[in-house]
Amino acid sequence: MFDQIATNTVIDDIALRVLLSITTGAFWLVIILVILRLFKIRNPNVKYFLLTIPLLKSLLALVRSLPHFSDFQGIFIISAKLPNLGRFLPSVDWKSADLLYGSYFQPTTTISPSTILAILAASLIFTAWRMVGMVRFVRLINKSREVDRAENRFLFDVLDKLVEEYGISYPKVILLETCAAPFTIGLKNPIIALSADLIDQLETSEMEAVLRHEAAHISRHDHLYHWLAVIIRDILFFNPIIHYLLPRLVFERERACDYLATLKSRRRVLAKSLVKVAEIQAAQPVSPLIRLYAPQGFIPNAHFYFKRRVKELLEPKTAYIMPGHIKRLLWPALILALITLDIHLVTTVKKFILVLS
């Protein structure tokens, strides 16, 4: 029923793409972590954009055309010997294969057709399940009750001021009882999700601090970037580097919004509101859809990151803004250079070849 050679070729292609996605993401992650530690970078915006580089490189390694040796015109090439990976990967030996993409080396698998069908079926079921969940989450947002200006005039008075101050589109405000923690979502128009308990229990100054934080998300267009992160997460579900990166990206995004929110309000007020939000959140169950698709669902160990945010608000260190125009241009230039730089991790016979181009 199945041609074993053709089947192995397809699986070889998938296996190599998966391997390149993981190794490329890991390599870039190490580079970024070294840069962060070496230069002692604290600016959340710089850290955020630097940490997106391994994310994008992992995705590109999966979907781009597989590398050819003949295409390499690198700055330099590094070869490293590997152990016999046939002991760990589903392959008998490592040999040349050029059936699809030309002259490159990869593990030749011996997986049976039934196993292939099972893997593909599981992947399709997982993808379909995530897509259905995303649709249900969007419906949950769309069906939630919109807060009327007449029932909470203070909230909209604050939003009126913030829309003018931040220069943002006027957000829609909904009540979402399945999640006490506020968040901002949306595509065409931003939506701020609040709960009735949150509105009732926060003081006016605390509610204003929370709305300032959410307005900061809108000014940064985080409600759009969130959906991109969701898609990348579900495509690269097999890649452990992605699951390491996403919580840290969300944390740096929250730090940046905390900073923007406290430019014209007191840090202690926002810290106090965060503590109250956490207490309200702990007292009620959270919908599984919120855990999977809301922005805070990207942080599995939320208490650890929450404590760091509160501590940073109560014990601020140096300002995030770099002095001088040259230093402000340095990080965008570095980030652009790293994105432009292409690093190939190519699996060869018992070797990895690293090519910078």
Protein backbone atom coordinates (compact mmCIF):
# COMPACT_ATOMS: atom_id res chain seq x y z
CA MET A 1 0.00 0.00 0.00
CA PHE A 2 2.85 2.37 0.85
CA ASP A 3 6.14 2.76 -0.95
CA GLN A 4 8.72 2.34 1.81
CA ILE A 5 11.36 4.49 0.09
CA ALA A 6 8.93 7.35 -0.51
CA THR A 7 7.59 7.00 3.02
CA ASN A 8 11.06 7.11 4.53
CA THR A 9 11.91 10.14 2.41
CA VAL A 10 8.89 12.05 3.74
CA ILE A 11 9.68 11.08 7.32
CA ASP A 12 13.33 12.02 6.80
CA ASP A 13 12.20 15.44 5.65
CA ILE A 14 9.93 15.92 8.67
CA ALA A 15 12.55 14.59 11.09
CA LEU A 16 15.22 16.92 9.74
CA ARG A 17 12.92 19.94 9.93
CA VAL A 18 12.02 19.13 13.53
CA LEU A 19 15.68 18.60 14.40
CA LEU A 20 16.73 21.86 12.74
CA SER A 21 13.93 23.78 14.47
CA ILE A 22 15.00 22.59 17.92
CA THR A 23 18.76 22.93 17.42
CA THR A 24 18.51 26.31 15.69
CA GLY A 25 16.22 27.65 18.42
CA ALA A 26 18.54 26.33 21.13
CA PHE A 27 21.61 27.81 19.45
CA TRP A 28 20.03 31.27 19.12
CA LEU A 29 18.69 31.09 22.67
CA VAL A 30 22.20 30.53 23.99
CA ILE A 31 23.46 33.50 21.95
CA ILE A 32 20.71 35.79 23.29
CA LEU A 33 21.17 34.66 26.90
CA VAL A 34 24.91 35.36 26.63
CA ILE A 35 24.18 38.84 25.24
CA LEU A 36 21.67 39.55 28.02
CA ARG A 37 24.11 38.43 30.70
CA LEU A 38 27.20 40.02 29.15
CA PHE A 39 25.65 43.47 28.73
CA LYS A 40 23.44 43.19 31.86
CA ILE A 41 20.38 44.25 29.92
CA ARG A 42 17.36 45.18 32.02
CA ASN A 43 15.29 47.16 29.54
CA PRO A 44 12.17 44.98 29.00
CA ASN A 45 11.65 46.19 25.43
CA VAL A 46 15.20 45.24 24.42
CA LYS A 47 14.90 41.87 26.19
CA TYR A 48 11.50 41.26 24.58
CA PHE A 49 12.75 41.81 21.04
CA LEU A 50 15.97 39.88 21.62
CA LEU A 51 14.02 36.90 22.94
CA THR A 52 11.78 36.88 19.87
CA ILE A 53 14.80 36.06 17.70
CA PRO A 54 15.08 32.37 18.78
CA LEU A 55 11.30 32.13 18.39
CA LEU A 56 11.38 33.32 14.77
CA LYS A 57 14.52 31.34 13.91
CA SER A 58 12.88 28.13 15.16
CA LEU A 59 9.85 28.78 12.98
CA LEU A 60 11.93 29.62 9.89
CA ALA A 61 14.06 26.49 10.36
CA LEU A 62 10.86 24.43 10.22
CA VAL A 63 9.13 25.99 7.21
CA ARG A 64 11.96 27.20 4.97
CA SER A 65 13.61 25.16 2.22
CA LEU A 66 16.13 22.74 3.62
CA PRO A 67 19.76 23.88 3.27
CA HIS A 68 22.02 22.70 0.46
CA PHE A 69 25.77 22.46 0.83
CA SER A 70 26.14 24.07 -2.59
CA ASP A 71 24.22 27.15 -1.40
CA PHE A 72 26.57 27.93 1.48
CA GLN A 73 28.65 31.04 1.08
CA GLY A 74 29.30 31.48 4.75
CA ILE A 75 31.60 33.68 6.74
CA PHE A 76 33.04 30.56 8.32
CA ILE A 77 32.15 26.93 8.91
CA ILE A 78 32.56 24.94 12.12
CA SER A 79 32.35 21.14 12.17
CA ALA A 80 31.68 19.17 15.33
CA LYS A 81 31.73 15.39 15.61
CA LEU A 82 28.67 13.72 17.07
CA PRO A 83 28.18 10.36 18.76
CA ASN A 84 26.33 7.62 16.95
CA LEU A 85 22.86 9.15 16.99
CA GLY A 86 21.36 5.96 15.67
CA ARG A 87 21.23 4.80 19.28
CA PHE A 88 18.86 7.62 20.18
CA LEU A 89 16.94 8.44 17.01
CA PRO A 90 14.65 6.11 15.03
CA SER A 91 17.26 5.39 12.40
CA VAL A 92 19.51 2.51 11.42
CA ASP A 93 22.42 4.44 9.99
CA TRP A 94 23.34 7.89 8.67
CA LYS A 95 23.69 8.11 4.93
CA SER A 96 23.38 10.51 2.04
CA ALA A 97 19.88 11.32 0.80
CA ASP A 98 19.12 13.62 -2.13
CA LEU A 99 15.68 12.45 -3.22
CA LEU A 100 13.92 15.73 -2.45
CA TYR A 101 16.24 18.64 -1.92
CA GLY A 102 19.64 17.78 -3.26
CA SER A 103 22.93 17.11 -1.56
CA TYR A 104 22.55 17.16 2.21
CA PHE A 105 22.76 14.44 4.83
CA GLN A 106 20.08 13.30 7.21
CA PRO A 107 19.06 10.28 9.32
CA THR A 108 17.32 7.66 7.19
CA THR A 109 14.42 6.33 9.20
CA THR A 110 12.85 2.91 9.23
CA ILE A 111 9.49 3.84 10.75
CA SER A 112 6.63 1.65 9.58
CA PRO A 113 3.77 3.19 7.56
CA SER A 114 1.29 2.47 10.35
CA THR A 115 3.46 4.41 12.80
CA ILE A 116 3.67 7.27 10.32
CA LEU A 117 -0.11 7.37 9.99
CA ALA A 118 -0.49 7.33 13.77
CA ILE A 119 1.94 10.25 14.19
CA LEU A 120 0.28 12.29 11.44
CA ALA A 121 -3.20 11.54 12.80
CA ALA A 122 -2.16 12.58 16.31
CA SER A 123 -0.65 15.81 14.97
CA LEU A 124 -3.78 16.60 12.96
CA ILE A 125 -6.04 15.87 15.92
CA PHE A 126 -3.92 18.10 18.15
CA THR A 127 -3.98 20.91 15.58
CA ALA A 128 -7.74 20.59 15.08
CA TRP A 129 -8.29 20.58 18.85
CA ARG A 130 -6.27 23.78 19.25
CA MET A 131 -8.08 25.45 16.34
CA VAL A 132 -11.48 24.54 17.79
CA GLY A 133 -10.35 25.85 21.17
CA MET A 134 -9.27 29.14 19.61
CA VAL A 135 -12.67 29.51 17.91
CA ARG A 136 -14.44 28.78 21.20
CA PHE A 137 -12.28 31.35 22.98
CA VAL A 138 -13.14 34.00 20.38
CA ARG A 139 -16.83 33.16 20.75
CA LEU A 140 -16.51 33.43 24.52
CA ILE A 141 -15.08 36.92 24.12
CA ASN A 142 -17.69 37.97 21.56
CA LYS A 143 -20.61 36.68 23.65
CA SER A 144 -19.46 38.36 26.87
CA ARG A 145 -21.51 41.30 28.09
CA GLU A 146 -20.18 44.71 27.18
CA VAL A 147 -19.89 47.19 30.03
CA ASP A 148 -22.16 50.18 29.52
CA ARG A 149 -20.96 53.72 30.22
CA ALA A 150 -24.07 54.45 32.30
CA GLU A 151 -23.40 51.63 34.77
CA ASN A 152 -19.76 52.53 35.40
CA ARG A 153 -19.08 56.14 34.53
CA PHE A 154 -15.76 56.30 36.41
CA LEU A 155 -14.27 53.48 34.34
CA PHE A 156 -15.07 55.24 31.06
CA ASP A 157 -13.94 58.60 32.37
CA VAL A 158 -10.53 57.02 33.01
CA LEU A 159 -10.55 55.41 29.56
CA ASP A 160 -11.41 58.75 27.94
CA LYS A 161 -8.30 60.23 29.53
CA LEU A 162 -6.08 57.27 28.65
CA VAL A 163 -7.20 57.13 25.02
CA GLU A 164 -6.14 60.74 24.58
CA GLU A 165 -2.95 60.32 26.63
CA TYR A 166 -1.71 57.18 24.85
CA GLY A 167 -3.17 58.02 21.43
CA ILE A 168 -4.90 54.63 21.11
CA SER A 169 -8.16 53.33 19.67
CA TYR A 170 -11.05 53.35 22.10
CA PRO A 171 -11.24 49.83 23.55
CA LYS A 172 -14.35 47.78 24.11
CA VAL A 173 -14.77 46.70 27.76
CA ILE A 174 -16.38 43.33 28.53
CA LEU A 175 -17.24 41.42 31.68
CA LEU A 176 -15.64 37.96 31.77
CA GLU A 177 -16.46 36.06 34.95
CA THR A 178 -14.34 33.02 34.08
CA CYS A 179 -11.13 34.99 34.72
CA ALA A 180 -10.58 37.64 37.40
CA ALA A 181 -7.24 38.82 36.00
CA PRO A 182 -7.74 41.60 33.44
CA PHE A 183 -6.29 41.20 29.97
CA THR A 184 -6.39 42.87 26.56
CA ILE A 185 -7.26 40.93 23.44
CA GLY A 186 -8.57 41.63 19.96
CA LEU A 187 -7.64 41.92 16.30
CA LYS A 188 -9.25 44.86 14.54
CA ASN A 189 -10.38 46.58 17.74
CA PRO A 190 -8.83 46.11 21.20
CA ILE A 191 -10.94 44.54 23.95
CA ILE A 192 -10.26 44.87 27.68
CA ALA A 193 -11.68 41.97 29.71
CA LEU A 194 -12.59 42.64 33.34
CA SER A 195 -14.64 40.82 35.96
CA ALA A 196 -17.42 42.18 38.18
CA ASP A 197 -15.44 41.19 41.30
CA LEU A 198 -12.47 43.17 40.03
CA ILE A 199 -14.57 46.29 39.44
CA ASP A 200 -16.29 45.98 42.83
CA GLN A 201 -13.22 45.27 44.98
CA LEU A 202 -10.58 47.59 43.51
CA GLU A 203 -10.36 51.14 44.74
CA THR A 204 -10.64 53.94 42.20
CA SER A 205 -6.87 54.58 42.17
CA GLU A 206 -6.17 50.85 41.79
CA MET A 207 -8.66 50.50 38.94
CA GLU A 208 -7.06 53.44 37.18
CA ALA A 209 -3.63 51.78 37.57
CA VAL A 210 -5.00 48.55 36.07
CA LEU A 211 -6.57 50.41 33.14
CA ARG A 212 -3.31 52.28 32.58
CA HIS A 213 -1.52 48.95 32.34
CA GLU A 214 -4.05 47.61 29.82
CA ALA A 215 -3.88 50.86 27.82
CA ALA A 216 -0.12 50.38 27.67
CA HIS A 217 -0.71 46.95 26.08
CA ILE A 218 -2.90 48.59 23.43
CA SER A 219 -0.31 51.30 22.72
CA ARG A 220 2.30 48.55 22.18
CA HIS A 221 -0.13 46.52 19.98
CA ASP A 222 0.34 43.52 22.27
CA HIS A 223 -3.22 42.36 21.51
CA LEU A 224 -2.08 41.72 17.92
CA TYR A 225 1.28 40.13 18.76
CA HIS A 226 -0.49 37.78 21.15
CA TRP A 227 -2.27 35.96 18.32
CA LEU A 228 1.00 35.59 16.44
CA ALA A 229 2.51 34.02 19.55
CA VAL A 230 -0.47 31.65 19.85
CA ILE A 231 -0.04 30.47 16.26
CA ILE A 232 3.72 29.97 16.62
CA ARG A 233 3.23 28.10 19.90
CA ASP A 234 0.76 25.68 18.32
CA ILE A 235 2.89 25.14 15.20
CA LEU A 236 6.05 24.50 17.24
CA PHE A 237 4.37 22.52 20.01
CA PHE A 238 7.12 19.88 19.76
CA ASN A 239 9.92 22.39 20.40
CA PRO A 240 10.91 22.76 24.09
CA ILE A 241 12.71 26.03 23.31
CA ILE A 242 9.37 27.67 22.53
CA HIS A 243 7.86 26.60 25.85
CA TYR A 244 10.89 28.08 27.59
CA LEU A 245 10.71 31.36 25.66
CA LEU A 246 7.01 32.25 25.75
CA PRO A 247 6.66 32.75 29.55
CA ARG A 248 9.73 34.99 29.52
CA LEU A 249 8.42 36.98 26.56
CA VAL A 250 5.10 37.55 28.33
CA PHE A 251 6.92 38.54 31.52
CA GLU A 252 9.05 41.15 29.72
CA ARG A 253 5.94 42.46 27.99
CA GLU A 254 4.23 42.86 31.37
CA ARG A 255 7.31 44.62 32.79
CA ALA A 256 7.29 47.08 29.91
CA CYS A 257 3.60 47.85 30.47
CA ASP A 258 4.15 48.21 34.22
CA TYR A 259 6.79 50.81 33.44
CA LEU A 260 4.51 52.73 31.06
CA ALA A 261 1.62 52.53 33.50
CA THR A 262 3.65 54.02 36.36
CA LEU A 263 5.04 56.99 34.44
CA LYS A 264 2.07 59.05 35.65
CA SER A 265 0.90 57.01 38.62
CA ARG A 266 2.41 55.56 41.78
CA ARG A 267 4.20 52.23 41.63
CA ARG A 268 2.81 51.11 44.98
CA VAL A 269 -0.75 51.59 43.75
CA LEU A 270 -0.16 49.27 40.79
CA ALA A 271 1.64 46.76 43.03
CA LYS A 272 -1.30 46.80 45.46
CA SER A 273 -3.76 46.30 42.61
CA LEU A 274 -1.74 43.33 41.32
CA VAL A 275 -1.88 41.71 44.75
CA LYS A 276 -5.65 42.21 44.92
CA VAL A 277 -6.10 40.80 41.42
CA ALA A 278 -4.11 37.71 42.44
CA GLU A 279 -6.29 37.25 45.54
CA ILE A 280 -9.49 37.54 43.51
CA GLN A 281 -8.08 35.17 40.89
CA ALA A 282 -7.22 32.56 43.54
CA ALA A 283 -10.78 32.60 44.87
CA GLN A 284 -12.45 31.52 41.63
CA PRO A 285 -11.79 28.86 38.97
CA VAL A 286 -10.30 29.81 35.64
CA SER A 287 -11.77 28.52 32.38
CA PRO A 288 -9.50 26.09 30.46
CA LEU A 289 -9.98 28.30 27.40
CA ILE A 290 -8.54 31.25 29.33
CA ARG A 291 -5.55 29.15 30.38
CA LEU A 292 -4.80 28.21 26.78
CA TYR A 293 -5.52 31.38 24.84
CA ALA A 294 -5.52 34.42 27.15
CA PRO A 295 -2.18 36.25 27.47
CA GLN A 296 -1.62 35.22 31.11
CA GLY A 297 -2.12 31.57 30.12
CA PHE A 298 1.34 31.64 28.56
CA ILE A 299 2.92 31.75 32.03
CA PRO A 300 2.70 28.30 33.69
CA ASN A 301 4.53 29.37 36.83
CA ALA A 302 2.57 32.60 37.24
CA HIS A 303 3.32 33.05 40.96
CA PHE A 304 7.08 33.24 40.36
CA TYR A 305 6.77 35.94 37.69
CA PHE A 306 4.04 37.74 39.66
CA LYS A 307 6.31 38.08 42.70
CA ARG A 308 9.10 39.45 40.51
CA ARG A 309 6.77 42.10 39.06
CA VAL A 310 5.53 43.21 42.47
CA LYS A 311 9.06 43.28 43.88
CA GLU A 312 10.28 45.36 40.96
CA LEU A 313 7.43 47.83 41.43
CA LEU A 314 8.14 48.17 45.15
CA GLU A 315 11.93 48.19 44.81
CA PRO A 316 12.65 49.99 41.53
CA LYS A 317 16.22 50.06 40.29
CA THR A 318 17.67 52.15 37.53
CA ALA A 319 15.43 53.52 34.81
CA TYR A 320 14.90 51.43 31.69
CA ILE A 321 15.50 54.26 29.23
CA MET A 322 19.06 54.48 27.93
CA PRO A 323 20.66 57.93 27.87
CA GLY A 324 22.02 59.23 24.60
CA HIS A 325 20.87 58.82 21.02
CA ILE A 326 23.73 56.49 20.10
CA LYS A 327 22.84 54.00 22.84
CA ARG A 328 19.17 54.16 21.87
CA LEU A 329 20.10 53.20 18.31
CA LEU A 330 22.57 50.51 19.40
CA TRP A 331 20.01 47.90 20.41
CA PRO A 332 17.74 48.22 17.34
CA ALA A 333 20.85 47.91 15.17
CA LEU A 334 22.01 44.82 17.09
CA ILE A 335 18.58 43.19 16.89
CA LEU A 336 18.35 43.89 13.13
CA ALA A 337 21.82 42.44 12.61
CA LEU A 338 20.95 39.27 14.52
CA ILE A 339 17.72 38.82 12.58
CA THR A 340 19.56 39.29 9.28
CA LEU A 341 22.33 36.88 10.27
CA ASP A 342 21.47 33.36 9.17
CA ILE A 343 22.92 30.40 11.03
CA HIS A 344 22.49 26.90 9.64
CA LEU A 345 22.86 23.84 11.82
CA VAL A 346 23.17 21.07 9.26
CA THR A 347 23.20 17.41 10.20
CA THR A 348 25.83 15.48 8.27
CA VAL A 349 27.32 12.05 8.65
CA LYS A 350 28.29 11.92 12.33
CA LYS A 351 28.73 15.74 12.37
CA PHE A 352 26.97 19.03 12.80
CA ILE A 353 28.15 21.75 10.41
CA LEU A 354 27.55 25.30 11.59
CA VAL A 355 27.48 27.88 8.81
CA LEU A 356 27.18 31.64 9.31
CA SER A 357 26.09 33.60 6.25
